[in-house]
């Protein structure tokens, strides 16, 4: 978005990266604690944005990542290993997306 333009509310609601959730609401949605989310931030799996008042705000994308870590932890994976697995899964998904875009952009032979 360029400077001087305003963001419509519907744009924010549709944006997976919009930091809409407080730490308490995010924890409630995931069925976990704020401390779990803070631990994921310390492990640099997710980096919440900060409000003007300094409060953590999470996006839907970040909640999906945190939910995946929680799923692994609930199934017995150590949190540090779960964080590493999720980071690698996310990197692989991004690489696959880029590869597909490159394939789609190639002229047919």
N, C-alpha and C. Protein backbone atom coordinates (compact mmCIF):
# COMPACT_ATOMS: atom_id res chain seq x y z
N UNK A 1 0.85 -1.16 0.00
CA UNK A 1 0.00 0.00 0.00
C UNK A 1 0.90 1.22 0.00
N UNK A 2 0.59 2.17 -0.83
CA UNK A 2 1.43 3.36 -0.94
C UNK A 2 1.07 4.37 0.14
N UNK A 3 2.03 5.25 0.48
CA UNK A 3 1.76 6.26 1.50
C UNK A 3 0.57 7.13 1.09
N UNK A 4 -0.23 7.49 2.06
CA UNK A 4 -1.35 8.36 1.79
C UNK A 4 -2.63 7.63 1.42
N UNK A 5 -2.56 6.32 1.18
CA UNK A 5 -3.77 5.57 0.89
C UNK A 5 -4.31 4.97 2.17
N UNK A 6 -5.59 4.77 2.21
CA UNK A 6 -6.19 4.18 3.40
C UNK A 6 -6.55 2.73 3.12
N UNK A 7 -6.51 1.95 4.16
CA UNK A 7 -6.81 0.53 4.05
C UNK A 7 -8.26 0.33 4.45
N UNK A 8 -9.01 -0.35 3.60
CA UNK A 8 -10.39 -0.66 3.92
C UNK A 8 -10.41 -1.81 4.91
N UNK A 9 -11.43 -1.83 5.77
CA UNK A 9 -11.56 -2.89 6.76
C UNK A 9 -11.62 -4.25 6.08
N UNK A 10 -12.34 -4.36 4.97
CA UNK A 10 -12.45 -5.65 4.29
C UNK A 10 -11.09 -6.13 3.79
N UNK A 11 -10.20 -5.21 3.41
CA UNK A 11 -8.85 -5.59 3.00
C UNK A 11 -8.11 -6.25 4.16
N UNK A 12 -8.24 -5.70 5.34
CA UNK A 12 -7.58 -6.25 6.52
C UNK A 12 -8.12 -7.62 6.88
N UNK A 13 -9.42 -7.79 6.76
CA UNK A 13 -10.04 -9.07 7.13
C UNK A 13 -9.64 -10.18 6.18
N UNK A 14 -9.37 -9.85 4.94
CA UNK A 14 -8.98 -10.85 3.95
C UNK A 14 -7.48 -11.12 3.92
N UNK A 15 -6.70 -10.33 4.62
CA UNK A 15 -5.25 -10.41 4.58
C UNK A 15 -4.74 -11.38 5.64
N UNK A 16 -4.14 -12.50 5.20
CA UNK A 16 -3.60 -13.49 6.14
C UNK A 16 -2.46 -12.94 6.99
N UNK A 17 -1.84 -11.86 6.56
CA UNK A 17 -0.70 -11.30 7.28
C UNK A 17 -1.08 -10.12 8.17
N UNK A 18 -2.34 -9.74 8.18
CA UNK A 18 -2.78 -8.62 9.01
C UNK A 18 -2.77 -9.03 10.48
N UNK A 19 -2.08 -8.27 11.33
CA UNK A 19 -1.95 -8.64 12.75
C UNK A 19 -3.21 -8.29 13.55
N UNK A 20 -4.20 -9.16 13.48
CA UNK A 20 -5.51 -8.86 14.04
C UNK A 20 -5.73 -9.40 15.45
N UNK A 21 -4.90 -10.33 15.90
CA UNK A 21 -5.20 -11.05 17.15
C UNK A 21 -4.24 -10.68 18.27
N UNK A 22 -4.80 -10.36 19.42
CA UNK A 22 -3.97 -10.12 20.61
C UNK A 22 -3.42 -11.46 21.08
N UNK A 23 -2.44 -11.41 21.95
CA UNK A 23 -1.84 -12.64 22.46
C UNK A 23 -2.89 -13.48 23.20
N UNK A 24 -3.76 -12.84 23.95
CA UNK A 24 -4.79 -13.58 24.68
C UNK A 24 -5.78 -14.24 23.75
N UNK A 25 -6.23 -13.51 22.73
CA UNK A 25 -7.19 -14.07 21.77
C UNK A 25 -6.53 -15.18 20.95
N UNK A 26 -5.29 -14.97 20.55
CA UNK A 26 -4.57 -15.99 19.78
C UNK A 26 -4.42 -17.27 20.61
N UNK A 27 -4.06 -17.12 21.87
CA UNK A 27 -3.92 -18.28 22.75
C UNK A 27 -5.25 -19.01 22.90
N UNK A 28 -6.34 -18.26 23.07
CA UNK A 28 -7.67 -18.87 23.17
C UNK A 28 -8.01 -19.65 21.92
N UNK A 29 -7.76 -19.07 20.76
CA UNK A 29 -8.08 -19.73 19.49
C UNK A 29 -7.30 -21.03 19.32
N UNK A 30 -6.06 -21.05 19.80
CA UNK A 30 -5.20 -22.22 19.66
C UNK A 30 -5.36 -23.21 20.82
N UNK A 31 -6.06 -22.79 21.87
CA UNK A 31 -6.20 -23.66 23.03
C UNK A 31 -4.89 -23.83 23.77
N UNK A 32 -4.12 -22.76 23.84
CA UNK A 32 -2.82 -22.81 24.50
C UNK A 32 -2.70 -21.60 25.43
N UNK A 33 -1.50 -21.30 25.85
CA UNK A 33 -1.28 -20.17 26.75
C UNK A 33 -0.49 -19.07 26.05
N UNK A 34 -0.61 -17.84 26.55
CA UNK A 34 0.23 -16.77 26.01
C UNK A 34 1.73 -17.10 26.12
N UNK A 35 2.11 -17.82 27.17
CA UNK A 35 3.52 -18.19 27.35
C UNK A 35 4.00 -19.07 26.19
N UNK A 36 3.14 -19.95 25.68
CA UNK A 36 3.50 -20.79 24.54
C UNK A 36 3.78 -19.92 23.33
N UNK A 37 2.92 -18.94 23.08
CA UNK A 37 3.14 -18.04 21.95
C UNK A 37 4.41 -17.21 22.12
N UNK A 38 4.66 -16.76 23.33
CA UNK A 38 5.90 -16.01 23.58
C UNK A 38 7.12 -16.90 23.34
N UNK A 39 7.03 -18.17 23.72
CA UNK A 39 8.14 -19.12 23.48
C UNK A 39 8.39 -19.28 21.98
N UNK A 40 7.33 -19.31 21.19
CA UNK A 40 7.50 -19.42 19.74
C UNK A 40 8.15 -18.17 19.17
N UNK A 41 7.85 -17.03 19.77
CA UNK A 41 8.50 -15.79 19.37
C UNK A 41 9.98 -15.81 19.72
N UNK A 42 10.30 -16.30 20.90
CA UNK A 42 11.71 -16.40 21.31
C UNK A 42 12.48 -17.37 20.43
N UNK A 43 11.79 -18.43 19.97
CA UNK A 43 12.42 -19.41 19.08
C UNK A 43 12.47 -18.90 17.63
N UNK A 44 11.86 -17.75 17.41
CA UNK A 44 11.81 -17.10 16.09
C UNK A 44 11.06 -17.92 15.05
N UNK A 45 10.08 -18.67 15.50
CA UNK A 45 9.20 -19.38 14.58
C UNK A 45 8.19 -18.39 14.03
N UNK A 46 7.67 -17.56 14.90
CA UNK A 46 6.79 -16.47 14.50
C UNK A 46 7.28 -15.20 15.18
N UNK A 47 7.08 -14.10 14.53
CA UNK A 47 7.47 -12.81 15.09
C UNK A 47 6.24 -11.90 15.06
N UNK A 48 5.57 -11.78 16.19
CA UNK A 48 4.37 -10.95 16.20
C UNK A 48 4.73 -9.49 15.96
N UNK A 49 3.82 -8.79 15.32
CA UNK A 49 3.99 -7.35 15.18
C UNK A 49 3.58 -6.72 16.50
N UNK A 50 3.96 -5.49 16.68
CA UNK A 50 3.62 -4.79 17.92
C UNK A 50 2.68 -3.64 17.61
N UNK A 51 1.69 -3.48 18.47
CA UNK A 51 0.78 -2.34 18.35
C UNK A 51 1.53 -1.09 18.76
N UNK A 52 0.90 0.07 18.56
CA UNK A 52 1.54 1.32 18.98
C UNK A 52 1.84 1.32 20.47
N UNK A 53 1.04 0.59 21.24
CA UNK A 53 1.26 0.48 22.68
C UNK A 53 2.25 -0.59 23.07
N UNK A 54 2.81 -1.31 22.08
CA UNK A 54 3.81 -2.33 22.36
C UNK A 54 3.26 -3.73 22.58
N UNK A 55 1.96 -3.92 22.37
CA UNK A 55 1.35 -5.23 22.58
C UNK A 55 1.53 -6.12 21.35
N UNK A 56 1.71 -7.41 21.60
CA UNK A 56 1.87 -8.37 20.50
C UNK A 56 0.57 -8.52 19.73
N UNK A 57 0.70 -8.63 18.40
CA UNK A 57 -0.44 -8.87 17.52
C UNK A 57 -0.06 -9.96 16.53
N UNK A 58 -0.94 -10.95 16.37
CA UNK A 58 -0.67 -12.10 15.53
C UNK A 58 -1.61 -12.12 14.32
N UNK A 59 -1.09 -12.63 13.22
CA UNK A 59 -1.89 -12.77 12.00
C UNK A 59 -2.44 -14.19 11.91
N UNK A 60 -3.36 -14.40 10.97
CA UNK A 60 -3.89 -15.75 10.75
C UNK A 60 -2.78 -16.70 10.31
N UNK A 61 -1.89 -16.19 9.46
CA UNK A 61 -0.76 -17.01 9.01
C UNK A 61 0.07 -17.47 10.21
N UNK A 62 0.38 -16.55 11.12
CA UNK A 62 1.16 -16.90 12.30
C UNK A 62 0.41 -17.88 13.20
N UNK A 63 -0.89 -17.74 13.27
CA UNK A 63 -1.67 -18.69 14.07
C UNK A 63 -1.64 -20.09 13.46
N UNK A 64 -1.63 -20.19 12.14
CA UNK A 64 -1.52 -21.51 11.51
C UNK A 64 -0.17 -22.14 11.84
N UNK A 65 0.90 -21.33 11.80
CA UNK A 65 2.23 -21.83 12.14
C UNK A 65 2.25 -22.29 13.60
N UNK A 66 1.74 -21.46 14.49
CA UNK A 66 1.72 -21.81 15.92
C UNK A 66 0.87 -23.05 16.16
N UNK A 67 -0.24 -23.17 15.44
CA UNK A 67 -1.09 -24.34 15.57
C UNK A 67 -0.39 -25.62 15.15
N UNK A 68 0.42 -25.52 14.09
CA UNK A 68 1.18 -26.69 13.63
C UNK A 68 2.22 -27.09 14.68
N UNK A 69 2.90 -26.10 15.27
CA UNK A 69 3.87 -26.42 16.34
C UNK A 69 3.14 -27.08 17.50
N UNK A 70 2.01 -26.53 17.87
CA UNK A 70 1.27 -27.11 18.99
C UNK A 70 0.86 -28.55 18.69
N UNK A 71 0.43 -28.81 17.47
CA UNK A 71 0.05 -30.16 17.07
C UNK A 71 1.22 -31.13 17.26
N UNK A 72 2.40 -30.73 16.82
CA UNK A 72 3.58 -31.58 16.97
C UNK A 72 3.93 -31.80 18.44
N UNK A 73 3.88 -30.72 19.22
CA UNK A 73 4.18 -30.83 20.65
C UNK A 73 3.17 -31.73 21.34
N UNK A 74 1.90 -31.57 21.00
CA UNK A 74 0.86 -32.42 21.60
C UNK A 74 1.06 -33.89 21.26
N UNK A 75 1.73 -34.16 20.14
CA UNK A 75 1.99 -35.55 19.74
C UNK A 75 3.34 -36.06 20.22
N UNK A 76 3.98 -35.32 21.14
CA UNK A 76 5.18 -35.80 21.79
C UNK A 76 6.50 -35.28 21.26
N UNK A 77 6.47 -34.37 20.29
CA UNK A 77 7.71 -33.79 19.77
C UNK A 77 8.18 -32.68 20.70
N UNK A 78 9.45 -32.66 20.99
CA UNK A 78 10.01 -31.58 21.82
C UNK A 78 9.79 -30.24 21.12
N UNK A 79 9.56 -29.19 21.90
CA UNK A 79 9.20 -27.90 21.30
C UNK A 79 10.29 -27.37 20.37
N UNK A 80 11.56 -27.55 20.73
CA UNK A 80 12.62 -27.05 19.85
C UNK A 80 12.64 -27.81 18.52
N UNK A 81 12.40 -29.11 18.58
CA UNK A 81 12.34 -29.92 17.36
C UNK A 81 11.10 -29.56 16.54
N UNK A 82 9.97 -29.34 17.22
CA UNK A 82 8.74 -28.96 16.54
C UNK A 82 8.92 -27.62 15.82
N UNK A 83 9.58 -26.70 16.46
CA UNK A 83 9.84 -25.39 15.84
C UNK A 83 10.68 -25.56 14.58
N UNK A 84 11.72 -26.38 14.67
CA UNK A 84 12.59 -26.60 13.51
C UNK A 84 11.83 -27.28 12.38
N UNK A 85 11.01 -28.26 12.70
CA UNK A 85 10.21 -28.96 11.69
C UNK A 85 9.29 -27.97 10.97
N UNK A 86 8.62 -27.13 11.72
CA UNK A 86 7.67 -26.19 11.13
C UNK A 86 8.40 -25.16 10.26
N UNK A 87 9.55 -24.70 10.71
CA UNK A 87 10.34 -23.76 9.89
C UNK A 87 10.71 -24.43 8.56
N UNK A 88 11.18 -25.67 8.62
CA UNK A 88 11.56 -26.38 7.39
C UNK A 88 10.35 -26.64 6.50
N UNK A 89 9.21 -27.00 7.09
CA UNK A 89 8.00 -27.20 6.30
C UNK A 89 7.60 -25.93 5.58
N UNK A 90 7.69 -24.81 6.28
CA UNK A 90 7.32 -23.52 5.70
C UNK A 90 8.28 -23.14 4.57
N UNK A 91 9.57 -23.37 4.77
CA UNK A 91 10.55 -23.08 3.72
C UNK A 91 10.33 -23.96 2.50
N UNK A 92 10.01 -25.22 2.71
CA UNK A 92 9.75 -26.13 1.60
C UNK A 92 8.50 -25.70 0.83
N UNK A 93 7.46 -25.32 1.53
CA UNK A 93 6.23 -24.87 0.87
C UNK A 93 6.50 -23.63 0.03
N UNK A 94 7.29 -22.71 0.56
CA UNK A 94 7.62 -21.49 -0.20
C UNK A 94 8.46 -21.82 -1.43
N UNK A 95 9.44 -22.72 -1.29
CA UNK A 95 10.26 -23.12 -2.43
C UNK A 95 9.41 -23.81 -3.50
N UNK A 96 8.49 -24.66 -3.08
CA UNK A 96 7.60 -25.32 -4.04
C UNK A 96 6.72 -24.30 -4.77
N UNK A 97 6.26 -23.30 -4.05
CA UNK A 97 5.43 -22.25 -4.66
C UNK A 97 6.23 -21.48 -5.71
N UNK A 98 7.47 -21.13 -5.38
CA UNK A 98 8.33 -20.40 -6.32
C UNK A 98 8.63 -21.27 -7.54
N UNK A 99 8.94 -22.54 -7.32
CA UNK A 99 9.20 -23.45 -8.43
C UNK A 99 8.00 -23.56 -9.36
N UNK A 100 6.81 -23.65 -8.79
CA UNK A 100 5.61 -23.75 -9.62
C UNK A 100 5.40 -22.46 -10.42
N UNK A 101 5.66 -21.33 -9.80
CA UNK A 101 5.52 -20.06 -10.52
C UNK A 101 6.51 -19.98 -11.69
N UNK A 102 7.72 -20.44 -11.45
CA UNK A 102 8.73 -20.44 -12.52
C UNK A 102 8.31 -21.38 -13.65
N UNK A 103 7.77 -22.53 -13.30
CA UNK A 103 7.29 -23.47 -14.34
C UNK A 103 6.14 -22.86 -15.13
N UNK A 104 5.24 -22.20 -14.43
CA UNK A 104 4.08 -21.59 -15.09
C UNK A 104 4.50 -20.44 -16.01
N UNK A 105 5.60 -19.77 -15.69
CA UNK A 105 6.06 -18.64 -16.48
C UNK A 105 6.88 -19.05 -17.71
N UNK A 106 7.30 -20.30 -17.77
CA UNK A 106 8.10 -20.74 -18.92
C UNK A 106 7.21 -20.90 -20.16
N UNK A 107 7.72 -20.47 -21.31
CA UNK A 107 6.95 -20.64 -22.53
C UNK A 107 6.85 -22.12 -22.89
N UNK A 108 5.74 -22.50 -23.46
CA UNK A 108 5.56 -23.90 -23.88
C UNK A 108 6.51 -24.21 -25.03
N UNK A 109 7.09 -25.41 -24.99
CA UNK A 109 8.04 -25.76 -26.04
C UNK A 109 7.44 -26.68 -27.07
